[in-house]
C-alpha atoms as a PDB file:
ATOM      1  CA  MET A   1       7.954 -22.360  -8.958  1.00  0.00           C
ATOM      2  CA  ASP A   2       5.282 -21.424  -6.597  1.00  0.00           C
ATOM      3  CA  SER A   3       1.901 -20.788  -9.423  1.00  0.00           C
ATOM      4  CA  ARG A   4      -0.608 -19.286  -7.011  1.00  0.00           C
ATOM      5  CA  SER A   5      -0.705 -15.726  -8.129  1.00  0.00           C
ATOM      6  CA  ILE A   6      -3.061 -13.484  -5.898  1.00  0.00           C
ATOM      7  CA  TRP A   7      -4.424  -9.223  -6.993  1.00  0.00           C
ATOM      8  CA  VAL A   8      -4.685  -7.329  -4.142  1.00  0.00           C
ATOM      9  CA  ARG A   9      -6.757  -3.921  -4.307  1.00  0.00           C
ATOM     10  CA  VAL A  10      -6.366  -0.932  -1.321  1.00  0.00           C
ATOM     11  CA  PRO A  11      -8.064   1.972  -0.874  1.00  0.00           C
ATOM     12  CA  GLY A  12      -5.652   5.596  -0.762  1.00  0.00           C
ATOM     13  CA  THR A  13      -6.210   6.960   2.203  1.00  0.00           C
ATOM     14  CA  SER A  14      -6.496  10.811   3.552  1.00  0.00           C
ATOM     15  CA  ALA A  15      -4.934  11.055   7.428  1.00  0.00           C
ATOM     16  CA  ASN A  16      -5.034  13.952   9.571  1.00  0.00           C
ATOM     17  CA  CYS A  17      -9.511  15.312   8.294  1.00  0.00           C
ATOM     18  CA  GLY A  18      -8.728  18.654   9.931  1.00  0.00           C
ATOM     19  CA  PRO A  19      -8.197  18.226  13.220  1.00  0.00           C
ATOM     20  CA  GLY A  20      -7.137  14.424  13.629  1.00  0.00           C
ATOM     21  CA  PHE A  21      -3.554  15.005  13.412  1.00  0.00           C
ATOM     22  CA  ASP A  22      -1.578  11.360  13.982  1.00  0.00           C
ATOM     23  CA  SER A  23      -4.655  10.326  14.674  1.00  0.00           C
ATOM     24  CA  ILE A  24      -8.306  10.669  12.446  1.00  0.00           C
ATOM     25  CA  GLY A  25      -8.218   8.848   8.748  1.00  0.00           C
ATOM     26  CA  LEU A  26      -9.771   7.997   6.002  1.00  0.00           C
ATOM     27  CA  ALA A  27     -10.253   5.985   3.255  1.00  0.00           C
ATOM     28  CA  CYS A  28     -11.385   7.313  -0.827  1.00  0.00           C
ATOM     29  CA  THR A  29     -12.233   5.095  -3.550  1.00  0.00           C
ATOM     30  CA  VAL A  30      -9.220   5.770  -5.520  1.00  0.00           C
ATOM     31  CA  TYR A  31      -6.459   2.500  -5.285  1.00  0.00           C
ATOM     32  CA  ASN A  32      -3.986   0.197  -6.240  1.00  0.00           C
ATOM     33  CA  ASP A  33      -4.123  -2.622  -7.039  1.00  0.00           C
ATOM     34  CA  LEU A  34      -1.566  -5.236  -6.976  1.00  0.00           C
ATOM     35  CA  GLN A  35      -0.488  -9.042  -7.798  1.00  0.00           C
ATOM     36  CA  LEU A  36       2.114 -10.764  -6.516  1.00  0.00           C
ATOM     37  CA  ARG A  37       3.334 -13.930  -6.950  1.00  0.00           C
ATOM     38  CA  LEU A  38       6.230 -15.889  -3.980  1.00  0.00           C
ATOM     39  CA  THR A  39       8.537 -17.891  -5.326  1.00  0.00           C
ATOM     40  CA  THR A  40      10.972 -20.954  -4.269  1.00  0.00           C
ATOM     41  CA  GLU A  41      13.453 -18.926  -5.679  1.00  0.00           C
ATOM     42  CA  PRO A  42      15.394 -15.810  -4.637  1.00  0.00           C
ATOM     43  CA  GLY A  43      15.464 -12.393  -6.336  1.00  0.00           C
ATOM     44  CA  CYS A  44      11.764  -9.903  -7.093  1.00  0.00           C
ATOM     45  CA  GLN A  45      10.560  -8.698 -10.198  1.00  0.00           C
ATOM     46  CA  ILE A  46       8.706  -5.685 -10.061  1.00  0.00           C
ATOM     47  CA  THR A  47       6.942  -4.316 -13.100  1.00  0.00           C
ATOM     48  CA  ILE A  48       4.670  -1.222 -12.457  1.00  0.00           C
ATOM     49  CA  LYS A  49       1.247   0.104 -14.192  1.00  0.00           C
ATOM     50  CA  GLY A  50      -0.044   4.336 -13.715  1.00  0.00           C
ATOM     51  CA  ALA A  51       1.091   6.818 -10.728  1.00  0.00           C
ATOM     52  CA  GLY A  52       4.130   7.405 -10.055  1.00  0.00           C
ATOM     53  CA  ALA A  53       5.920   4.258 -11.622  1.00  0.00           C
ATOM     54  CA  GLN A  54       8.818   6.081 -13.222  1.00  0.00           C
ATOM     55  CA  ASN A  55      10.003   7.102  -9.906  1.00  0.00           C
ATOM     56  CA  ILE A  56       8.693   3.315  -7.944  1.00  0.00           C
ATOM     57  CA  PRO A  57      11.867   2.005  -7.106  1.00  0.00           C
ATOM     58  CA  VAL A  58      11.943  -1.977  -9.452  1.00  0.00           C
ATOM     59  CA  ASP A  59      15.293  -3.430  -6.368  1.00  0.00           C
ATOM     60  CA  GLU A  60      15.256  -4.432  -3.051  1.00  0.00           C
ATOM     61  CA  ARG A  61      14.026  -0.994  -2.043  1.00  0.00           C
ATOM     62  CA  ASN A  62      10.693  -1.516  -3.466  1.00  0.00           C
ATOM     63  CA  ILE A  63       8.345  -0.930  -0.305  1.00  0.00           C
ATOM     64  CA  VAL A  64       5.938  -3.341  -1.646  1.00  0.00           C
ATOM     65  CA  TRP A  65       8.690  -6.768  -1.220  1.00  0.00           C
ATOM     66  CA  ARG A  66       9.759  -4.642   2.221  1.00  0.00           C
ATOM     67  CA  ALA A  67       6.001  -5.019   2.972  1.00  0.00           C
ATOM     68  CA  VAL A  68       6.190  -9.001   1.499  1.00  0.00           C
ATOM     69  CA  GLN A  69       9.326 -10.025   3.304  1.00  0.00           C
ATOM     70  CA  TYR A  70       8.044  -8.694   6.958  1.00  0.00           C
ATOM     71  CA  LEU A  71       5.248 -10.681   6.942  1.00  0.00           C
ATOM     72  CA  LEU A  72       7.285 -13.357   6.127  1.00  0.00           C
ATOM     73  CA  LYS A  73       9.687 -13.249   8.396  1.00  0.00           C
ATOM     74  CA  GLN A  74       6.216 -12.228  11.211  1.00  0.00           C
ATOM     75  CA  ALA A  75       5.557 -15.908   9.243  1.00  0.00           C
ATOM     76  CA  HIS A  76       8.646 -17.818   9.450  1.00  0.00           C
ATOM     77  CA  MET A  77       8.090 -19.005   5.720  1.00  0.00           C
ATOM     78  CA  GLU A  78      11.289 -16.776   4.992  1.00  0.00           C
ATOM     79  CA  LYS A  79      13.536 -18.919   4.036  1.00  0.00           C
ATOM     80  CA  LYS A  80      10.370 -21.060   1.756  1.00  0.00           C
ATOM     81  CA  TYR A  81       9.730 -18.084  -0.291  1.00  0.00           C
ATOM     82  CA  PRO A  82      12.745 -15.585  -0.868  1.00  0.00           C
ATOM     83  CA  GLY A  83      11.417 -14.239  -3.584  1.00  0.00           C
ATOM     84  CA  ALA A  84       8.538 -12.853  -5.505  1.00  0.00           C
ATOM     85  CA  VAL A  85       6.972 -11.965  -9.320  1.00  0.00           C
ATOM     86  CA  ILE A  86       5.292  -8.228  -7.975  1.00  0.00           C
ATOM     87  CA  HIS A  87       2.539  -6.140 -10.445  1.00  0.00           C
ATOM     88  CA  MET A  88       1.260  -2.508  -9.262  1.00  0.00           C
ATOM     89  CA  GLU A  89      -1.202  -1.309 -11.487  1.00  0.00           C
ATOM     90  CA  ASN A  90      -1.573   2.479  -9.291  1.00  0.00           C
ATOM     91  CA  GLN A  91      -3.185   5.722  -9.379  1.00  0.00           C
ATOM     92  CA  VAL A  92      -3.472   6.758  -5.841  1.00  0.00           C
ATOM     93  CA  PRO A  93      -0.705  10.077  -7.387  1.00  0.00           C
ATOM     94  CA  LEU A  94       2.647  10.076  -5.568  1.00  0.00           C
ATOM     95  CA  SER A  95       3.693  12.000  -2.978  1.00  0.00           C
ATOM     96  CA  ARG A  96       0.999  14.229  -3.192  1.00  0.00           C
ATOM     97  CA  GLY A  97      -1.534  13.553   0.893  1.00  0.00           C
ATOM     98  CA  LEU A  98      -3.070  10.138  -0.432  1.00  0.00           C
ATOM     99  CA  GLY A  99      -1.307   7.735   1.204  1.00  0.00           C
ATOM    100  CA  SER A 100       1.076   6.035  -1.309  1.00  0.00           C
ATOM    101  CA  SER A 101       2.627   4.501   0.879  1.00  0.00           C
ATOM    102  CA  ALA A 102       0.187   3.441   3.137  1.00  0.00           C
ATOM    103  CA  THR A 103      -0.952   1.983   0.079  1.00  0.00           C
ATOM    104  CA  ALA A 104       1.797   0.094  -1.172  1.00  0.00           C
ATOM    105  CA  ILE A 105       2.624  -1.179   3.071  1.00  0.00           C
ATOM    106  CA  VAL A 106      -1.101  -2.477   3.066  1.00  0.00           C
ATOM    107  CA  ALA A 107      -0.801  -3.794  -0.012  1.00  0.00           C
ATOM    108  CA  GLY A 108       2.051  -6.322   0.496  1.00  0.00           C
ATOM    109  CA  LEU A 109       0.920  -7.280   3.402  1.00  0.00           C
ATOM    110  CA  LYS A 110      -2.373  -8.680   2.328  1.00  0.00           C
ATOM    111  CA  ALA A 111      -1.266 -10.093  -0.078  1.00  0.00           C
ATOM    112  CA  ALA A 112       0.816 -12.556   1.104  1.00  0.00           C
ATOM    113  CA  ASN A 113      -1.164 -13.184   4.018  1.00  0.00           C
ATOM    114  CA  ILE A 114      -3.833 -14.412   1.563  1.00  0.00           C
ATOM    115  CA  LEU A 115      -1.486 -16.906  -0.103  1.00  0.00           C
ATOM    116  CA  LEU A 116       0.076 -17.951   3.914  1.00  0.00           C
ATOM    117  CA  ASP A 117      -3.520 -18.859   4.043  1.00  0.00           C
ATOM    118  CA  ASN A 118      -4.691 -15.631   6.537  1.00  0.00           C
ATOM    119  CA  ARG A 119      -2.638 -16.661   8.851  1.00  0.00           C
ATOM    120  CA  PHE A 120      -2.726 -13.119  10.462  1.00  0.00           C
ATOM    121  CA  SER A 121      -5.558 -11.339  11.550  1.00  0.00           C
ATOM    122  CA  ARG A 122      -6.654  -7.694  10.312  1.00  0.00           C
ATOM    123  CA  ARG A 123      -5.150  -6.200  13.569  1.00  0.00           C
ATOM    124  CA  GLU A 124      -1.990  -8.237  13.430  1.00  0.00           C
ATOM    125  CA  LEU A 125      -1.637  -6.680   9.709  1.00  0.00           C
ATOM    126  CA  LEU A 126      -2.634  -3.188  11.079  1.00  0.00           C
ATOM    127  CA  GLN A 127       0.144  -3.577  13.543  1.00  0.00           C
ATOM    128  CA  PHE A 128       2.814  -4.913  11.147  1.00  0.00           C
ATOM    129  CA  ALA A 129       1.485  -2.041   8.701  1.00  0.00           C
ATOM    130  CA  THR A 130       2.280   0.128  11.368  1.00  0.00           C
ATOM    131  CA  ASP A 131       5.333  -0.713  12.953  1.00  0.00           C
ATOM    132  CA  ILE A 132       6.707  -1.003   8.904  1.00  0.00           C
ATOM    133  CA  GLU A 133       4.728   2.726   8.652  1.00  0.00           C
ATOM    134  CA  GLY A 134       6.029   4.297  11.757  1.00  0.00           C
ATOM    135  CA  HIS A 135       2.295   5.505  12.579  1.00  0.00           C
ATOM    136  CA  PRO A 136      -1.134   4.185  11.989  1.00  0.00           C
ATOM    137  CA  ASP A 137      -2.756   7.194  10.181  1.00  0.00           C
ATOM    138  CA  ASN A 138      -2.572   5.900   7.284  1.00  0.00           C
ATOM    139  CA  VAL A 139      -2.005   2.637   7.041  1.00  0.00           C
ATOM    140  CA  ALA A 140      -5.821   2.119   9.632  1.00  0.00           C
ATOM    141  CA  PRO A 141      -8.028   3.480   6.662  1.00  0.00           C
ATOM    142  CA  ALA A 142      -6.301   1.253   4.357  1.00  0.00           C
ATOM    143  CA  ILE A 143      -7.148  -1.544   6.027  1.00  0.00           C
ATOM    144  CA  TYR A 144     -11.054  -1.580   7.007  1.00  0.00           C
ATOM    145  CA  GLY A 145     -12.143   1.103   5.260  1.00  0.00           C
ATOM    146  CA  GLY A 146     -14.500   3.809   6.193  1.00  0.00           C
ATOM    147  CA  PHE A 147     -12.731   6.633   9.082  1.00  0.00           C
ATOM    148  CA  THR A 148     -10.660   5.304  11.504  1.00  0.00           C
ATOM    149  CA  VAL A 149      -9.709   6.203  14.915  1.00  0.00           C
ATOM    150  CA  SER A 150      -5.858   5.040  16.431  1.00  0.00           C
ATOM    151  CA  THR A 151      -4.249   5.323  19.529  1.00  0.00           C
ATOM    152  CA  VAL A 152      -0.495   3.824  19.963  1.00  0.00           C
ATOM    153  CA  THR A 153      -0.527   2.622  23.701  1.00  0.00           C
ATOM    154  CA  ARG A 154       3.637   1.765  24.328  1.00  0.00           C
ATOM    155  CA  GLY A 155       3.604   0.049  20.788  1.00  0.00           C
ATOM    156  CA  GLU A 156       0.335  -1.267  20.423  1.00  0.00           C
ATOM    157  CA  VAL A 157      -2.173   0.191  17.624  1.00  0.00           C
ATOM    158  CA  GLU A 158      -5.813   0.195  18.537  1.00  0.00           C
ATOM    159  CA  CYS A 159      -8.329   1.672  15.549  1.00  0.00           C
ATOM    160  CA  PHE A 160     -12.249   2.406  16.416  1.00  0.00           C
ATOM    161  CA  THR A 161     -13.268   1.756  12.772  1.00  0.00           C
ATOM    162  CA  PHE A 162     -16.615   3.530  11.550  1.00  0.00           C
ATOM    163  CA  ILE A 163     -19.203   4.485   8.620  1.00  0.00           C
ATOM    164  CA  PRO A 164     -20.810   8.287   9.122  1.00  0.00           C
ATOM    165  CA  LYS A 165     -24.869   8.783   8.560  1.00  0.00           C
ATOM    166  CA  LEU A 166     -24.282  12.113   6.588  1.00  0.00           C
ATOM    167  CA  ARG A 167     -23.208  10.432   3.168  1.00  0.00           C
ATOM    168  CA  LEU A 168     -19.884  12.114   1.805  1.00  0.00           C
ATOM    169  CA  LYS A 169     -18.739  13.491  -1.437  1.00  0.00           C
ATOM    170  CA  LEU A 170     -15.026  13.929  -1.404  1.00  0.00           C
ATOM    171  CA  VAL A 171     -13.049  16.760  -3.538  1.00  0.00           C
ATOM    172  CA  VAL A 172      -9.377  16.019  -3.505  1.00  0.00           C
ATOM    173  CA  ALA A 173      -7.362  19.072  -5.375  1.00  0.00           C
ATOM    174  CA  VAL A 174      -3.843  17.458  -6.452  1.00  0.00           C
ATOM    175  CA  PRO A 175      -0.888  20.218  -7.014  1.00  0.00           C
ATOM    176  CA  ASP A 176       1.454  19.655  -9.846  1.00  0.00           C
ATOM    177  CA  PHE A 177       4.124  19.266  -7.318  1.00  0.00           C
ATOM    178  CA  PRO A 178       5.552  16.660  -4.667  1.00  0.00           C
ATOM    179  CA  LEU A 179       6.100  16.920  -0.848  1.00  0.00           C
ATOM    180  CA  SER A 180       8.005  14.603   1.034  1.00  0.00           C
ATOM    181  CA  THR A 181       6.284  13.624   4.554  1.00  0.00           C
ATOM    182  CA  ARG A 182       9.837  13.787   5.950  1.00  0.00           C
ATOM    183  CA  LYS A 183       9.916  17.525   4.521  1.00  0.00           C
ATOM    184  CA  ALA A 184       6.705  18.547   5.825  1.00  0.00           C
ATOM    185  CA  ARG A 185       7.640  16.863   9.308  1.00  0.00           C
ATOM    186  CA  GLU A 186      10.635  18.925   9.404  1.00  0.00           C
ATOM    187  CA  VAL A 187       8.483  22.666   9.631  1.00  0.00           C
ATOM    188  CA  LEU A 188       6.204  21.286  12.421  1.00  0.00           C
ATOM    189  CA  PRO A 189       7.530  21.884  16.080  1.00  0.00           C
ATOM    190  CA  GLU A 190       8.272  20.865  18.772  1.00  0.00           C
ATOM    191  CA  LYS A 191       5.696  22.248  21.078  1.00  0.00           C
ATOM    192  CA  VAL A 192       2.792  23.844  21.045  1.00  0.00           C
ATOM    193  CA  SER A 193       0.464  25.725  22.597  1.00  0.00           C
ATOM    194  CA  LEU A 194      -2.487  24.748  25.579  1.00  0.00           C
ATOM    195  CA  LYS A 195      -4.107  26.724  23.694  1.00  0.00           C
ATOM    196  CA  ASP A 196      -3.402  25.107  20.498  1.00  0.00           C
ATOM    197  CA  ALA A 197      -3.986  21.736  21.253  1.00  0.00           C
ATOM    198  CA  ILE A 198      -7.564  22.450  23.317  1.00  0.00           C
ATOM    199  CA  ASN A 199      -8.820  24.011  19.927  1.00  0.00           C
ATOM    200  CA  ASN A 200      -7.787  19.853  18.343  1.00  0.00           C
ATOM    201  CA  ILE A 201      -8.434  17.761  21.480  1.00  0.00           C
ATOM    202  CA  GLY A 202     -12.057  19.809  20.928  1.00  0.00           C
ATOM    203  CA  ARG A 203     -12.028  19.999  16.881  1.00  0.00           C
ATOM    204  CA  ALA A 204     -11.225  16.397  17.204  1.00  0.00           C
ATOM    205  CA  GLY A 205     -14.248  15.230  19.146  1.00  0.00           C
ATOM    206  CA  MET A 206     -16.629  16.713  17.640  1.00  0.00           C
ATOM    207  CA  LEU A 207     -16.279  15.822  13.734  1.00  0.00           C
ATOM    208  CA  VAL A 208     -16.407  12.229  15.269  1.00  0.00           C
ATOM    209  CA  ALA A 209     -19.659  12.597  16.865  1.00  0.00           C
ATOM    210  CA  ALA A 210     -20.863  14.882  14.573  1.00  0.00           C
ATOM    211  CA  LEU A 211     -19.822  11.757  11.780  1.00  0.00           C
ATOM    212  CA  CYS A 212     -21.550   9.272  14.132  1.00  0.00           C
ATOM    213  CA  LYS A 213     -24.621  10.784  14.693  1.00  0.00           C
ATOM    214  CA  GLY A 214     -24.768  12.124  10.975  1.00  0.00           C
ATOM    215  CA  ASN A 215     -25.440  16.075  12.520  1.00  0.00           C
ATOM    216  CA  GLU A 216     -24.069  18.221  10.207  1.00  0.00           C
ATOM    217  CA  LYS A 217     -24.153  21.367  11.467  1.00  0.00           C
ATOM    218  CA  PHE A 218     -21.331  20.439  14.172  1.00  0.00           C
ATOM    219  CA  LEU A 219     -19.178  19.957  11.267  1.00  0.00           C
ATOM    220  CA  LYS A 220     -19.546  23.644  10.038  1.00  0.00           C
ATOM    221  CA  ASN A 221     -16.334  24.452  12.288  1.00  0.00           C
ATOM    222  CA  VAL A 222     -14.013  21.419  12.644  1.00  0.00           C
ATOM    223  CA  PHE A 223     -12.029  21.023  10.121  1.00  0.00           C
ATOM    224  CA  GLU A 224      -9.895  24.535  11.634  1.00  0.00           C
ATOM    225  CA  ASP A 225      -6.341  22.621  12.754  1.00  0.00           C
ATOM    226  CA  ALA A 226      -3.697  24.820  14.637  1.00  0.00           C
ATOM    227  CA  LEU A 227      -1.180  22.171  14.984  1.00  0.00           C
ATOM    228  CA  HIS A 228      -0.188  20.940  11.098  1.00  0.00           C
ATOM    229  CA  GLN A 229      -1.805  23.292   8.657  1.00  0.00           C
ATOM    230  CA  PRO A 230      -0.685  26.793  10.517  1.00  0.00           C
ATOM    231  CA  TYR A 231       3.474  25.802   9.447  1.00  0.00           C
ATOM    232  CA  ARG A 232       2.957  23.754   6.469  1.00  0.00           C
ATOM    233  CA  ALA A 233       0.902  26.190   4.737  1.00  0.00           C
ATOM    234  CA  PRO A 234       4.080  27.955   3.386  1.00  0.00           C
ATOM    235  CA  LEU A 235       4.634  24.555   1.715  1.00  0.00           C
ATOM    236  CA  ILE A 236       1.782  25.181  -0.590  1.00  0.00           C
ATOM    237  CA  PRO A 237       0.888  28.594  -2.552  1.00  0.00           C
ATOM    238  CA  GLY A 238      -2.902  29.282  -1.387  1.00  0.00           C
ATOM    239  CA  MET A 239      -3.286  27.066   0.726  1.00  0.00           C
ATOM    240  CA  TYR A 240      -6.221  28.934   3.315  1.00  0.00           C
ATOM    241  CA  ASP A 241      -7.151  30.418   0.223  1.00  0.00           C
ATOM    242  CA  VAL A 242      -8.978  27.343  -1.616  1.00  0.00           C
ATOM    243  CA  PHE A 243      -9.978  26.651   1.595  1.00  0.00           C
ATOM    244  CA  ALA A 244     -11.989  29.145   1.744  1.00  0.00           C
ATOM    245  CA  ALA A 245     -13.098  29.100  -1.919  1.00  0.00           C
ATOM    246  CA  ALA A 246     -14.538  25.370  -0.690  1.00  0.00           C
ATOM    247  CA  ARG A 247     -16.710  26.352   1.912  1.00  0.00           C
ATOM    248  CA  LYS A 248     -17.260  29.880  -0.024  1.00  0.00           C
ATOM    249  CA  ALA A 249     -18.671  27.424  -2.813  1.00  0.00           C
ATOM    250  CA  GLY A 250     -20.634  24.545  -0.612  1.00  0.00           C
ATOM    251  CA  ALA A 251     -18.028  22.488   0.779  1.00  0.00           C
ATOM    252  CA  LEU A 252     -18.682  21.603   4.872  1.00  0.00           C
ATOM    253  CA  GLY A 253     -14.608  22.059   5.209  1.00  0.00           C
ATOM    254  CA  ALA A 254     -11.256  22.122   3.594  1.00  0.00           C
ATOM    255  CA  SER A 255      -8.061  20.368   5.188  1.00  0.00           C
ATOM    256  CA  LEU A 256      -4.546  19.432   4.622  1.00  0.00           C
ATOM    257  CA  SER A 257      -4.617  16.148   3.015  1.00  0.00           C
ATOM    258  CA  GLY A 258      -2.412  14.483   4.954  1.00  0.00           C
ATOM    259  CA  ALA A 259       0.844  15.811   4.836  1.00  0.00           C
ATOM    260  CA  GLY A 260      -0.192  17.359   1.279  1.00  0.00           C
ATOM    261  CA  PRO A 261      -0.180  18.870  -0.521  1.00  0.00           C
ATOM    262  CA  CYS A 262      -3.244  17.753  -1.505  1.00  0.00           C
ATOM    263  CA  LEU A 263      -5.924  19.812  -0.094  1.00  0.00           C
ATOM    264  CA  ILE A 264      -9.380  18.245   0.624  1.00  0.00           C
ATOM    265  CA  ALA A 265     -12.953  19.244   0.789  1.00  0.00           C
ATOM    266  CA  TYR A 266     -16.073  17.664   2.039  1.00  0.00           C
ATOM    267  CA  THR A 267     -19.510  18.362   1.006  1.00  0.00           C
ATOM    268  CA  LEU A 268     -22.388  16.777   1.654  1.00  0.00           C
ATOM    269  CA  GLN A 269     -23.796  14.322  -1.203  1.00  0.00           C
ATOM    270  CA  ARG A 270     -27.628  15.752  -1.825  1.00  0.00           C
ATOM    271  CA  HIS A 271     -25.843  19.285  -2.260  1.00  0.00           C
ATOM    272  CA  HIS A 272     -24.475  18.495  -5.141  1.00  0.00           C
ATOM    273  CA  VAL A 273     -22.546  20.824  -5.213  1.00  0.00           C
ATOM    274  CA  GLU A 274     -19.140  18.374  -5.530  1.00  0.00           C
ATOM    275  CA  GLU A 275     -18.039  19.915  -9.185  1.00  0.00           C
ATOM    276  CA  ALA A 276     -18.511  23.460  -8.017  1.00  0.00           C
ATOM    277  CA  VAL A 277     -16.059  23.272  -5.472  1.00  0.00           C
ATOM    278  CA  GLY A 278     -13.967  20.865  -7.079  1.00  0.00           C
ATOM    279  CA  LYS A 279     -13.971  24.327  -9.478  1.00  0.00           C
ATOM    280  CA  ALA A 280     -13.364  26.512  -6.785  1.00  0.00           C
ATOM    281  CA  MET A 281     -10.387  24.837  -5.687  1.00  0.00           C
ATOM    282  CA  GLN A 282      -8.276  25.076  -8.801  1.00  0.00           C
ATOM    283  CA  GLU A 283      -9.286  27.933  -9.937  1.00  0.00           C
ATOM    284  CA  CYS A 284      -8.243  29.313  -6.363  1.00  0.00           C
ATOM    285  CA  PHE A 285      -4.979  27.442  -7.392  1.00  0.00           C
ATOM    286  CA  LEU A 286      -4.422  29.229 -10.076  1.00  0.00           C
ATOM    287  CA  ARG A 287      -4.536  32.473  -9.377  1.00  0.00           C
ATOM    288  CA  HIS A 288      -1.537  31.660  -6.798  1.00  0.00           C
ATOM    289  CA  GLY A 289       0.497  30.375  -9.709  1.00  0.00           C
ATOM    290  CA  VAL A 290      -0.582  26.273  -8.615  1.00  0.00           C
ATOM    291  CA  LYS A 291      -1.860  24.019 -11.452  1.00  0.00           C
ATOM    292  CA  SER A 292      -3.720  20.895  -9.981  1.00  0.00           C
ATOM    293  CA  ASP A 293      -6.294  17.939 -11.104  1.00  0.00           C
ATOM    294  CA  ILE A 294      -9.408  17.398  -9.856  1.00  0.00           C
ATOM    295  CA  MET A 295     -10.106  14.688  -8.029  1.00  0.00           C
ATOM    296  CA  ILE A 296     -14.225  13.358  -6.901  1.00  0.00           C
ATOM    297  CA  LEU A 297     -14.054  10.546  -4.540  1.00  0.00           C
ATOM    298  CA  ASP A 298     -16.178   8.209  -2.346  1.00  0.00           C
ATOM    299  CA  LEU A 299     -15.337   7.144   1.502  1.00  0.00           C
ATOM    300  CA  ASP A 300     -14.281   3.569   0.627  1.00  0.00           C
ATOM    301  CA  THR A 301     -15.894   1.461   3.005  1.00  0.00           C
ATOM    302  CA  ARG A 302     -14.207  -2.322   2.292  1.00  0.00           C
ATOM    303  CA  GLY A 303     -10.617  -1.220   2.783  1.00  0.00           C
ATOM    304  CA  ALA A 304      -7.839  -3.688   1.424  1.00  0.00           C
ATOM    305  CA  HIS A 305     -10.131  -6.345  -0.408  1.00  0.00           C
ATOM    306  CA  ILE A 306      -8.870  -9.284  -2.917  1.00  0.00           C
ATOM    307  CA  LEU A 307      -9.523  -8.264  -6.125  1.00  0.00           C
ATOM    308  CA  ASN A 308     -11.498 -11.402  -7.909  1.00  0.00           C
ATOM    309  CA  ASP A 309     -12.251  -9.683 -12.190  1.00  0.00           C
ATOM    310  CA  LYS A 310      -8.796  -9.229 -12.795  1.00  0.00           C
END
């Protein structure tokens, strides 16, 4: 048995950020930790603590183990290491729109890569993660941290990552019900109008420009979306009312986090309104019969990394 093991920490993520459907994402300060040991005996032992522990498979279907196997195959090391011992300690809520599956994929790839002496670059890990996940908007910020803008050209992923010049606080309302990405995808239309496409192109460009320049006045209207939120709103009772409540309490804006059902409000750190925004979102959800937890988070700027203090 190979006795060397590694701990890695991977941030949760929020994709779309309003108008940046399937292309813009951010990493936030809620984390999943993974311990991995590769073994020369076949078979995988998996233990899980924390968020989703009762619902995550501990057999061949486990997404961390599938990511580990994917990387080993890319390195032609799957015969040398046919097994693993995996321990997951999760804080990222499952099926809520904070990138739990992307976090698991990136954790498996990152940990296995470290145990193979970093055979692959971060860019290669991004490509692998996108191939597994199907799109880069969550896996990119999980790997790099900060905000990310991603494109896929003939299957090849490119990612631009940046830290905004504004100090943001992220207020996340986590409803007490899950929503599968598959179900949230099913309600989207095959085609959208030219007007709606223009709406999103302009706002997505404005969002990135305003964050890069640190110009807060241009952030007031950028989080509005016409490509996915209107179609997903019926799946999340009171969504637009919660957005309005967040803005009224002092948020710059709010949007659906990924495919939902989490809603995320963006506030400026120096305004100190995050507690009031969280309370307003929670109370508004309650009026629509939805219980929710509030998480007040910062932007994670490191992305996936080795943990030395476990």
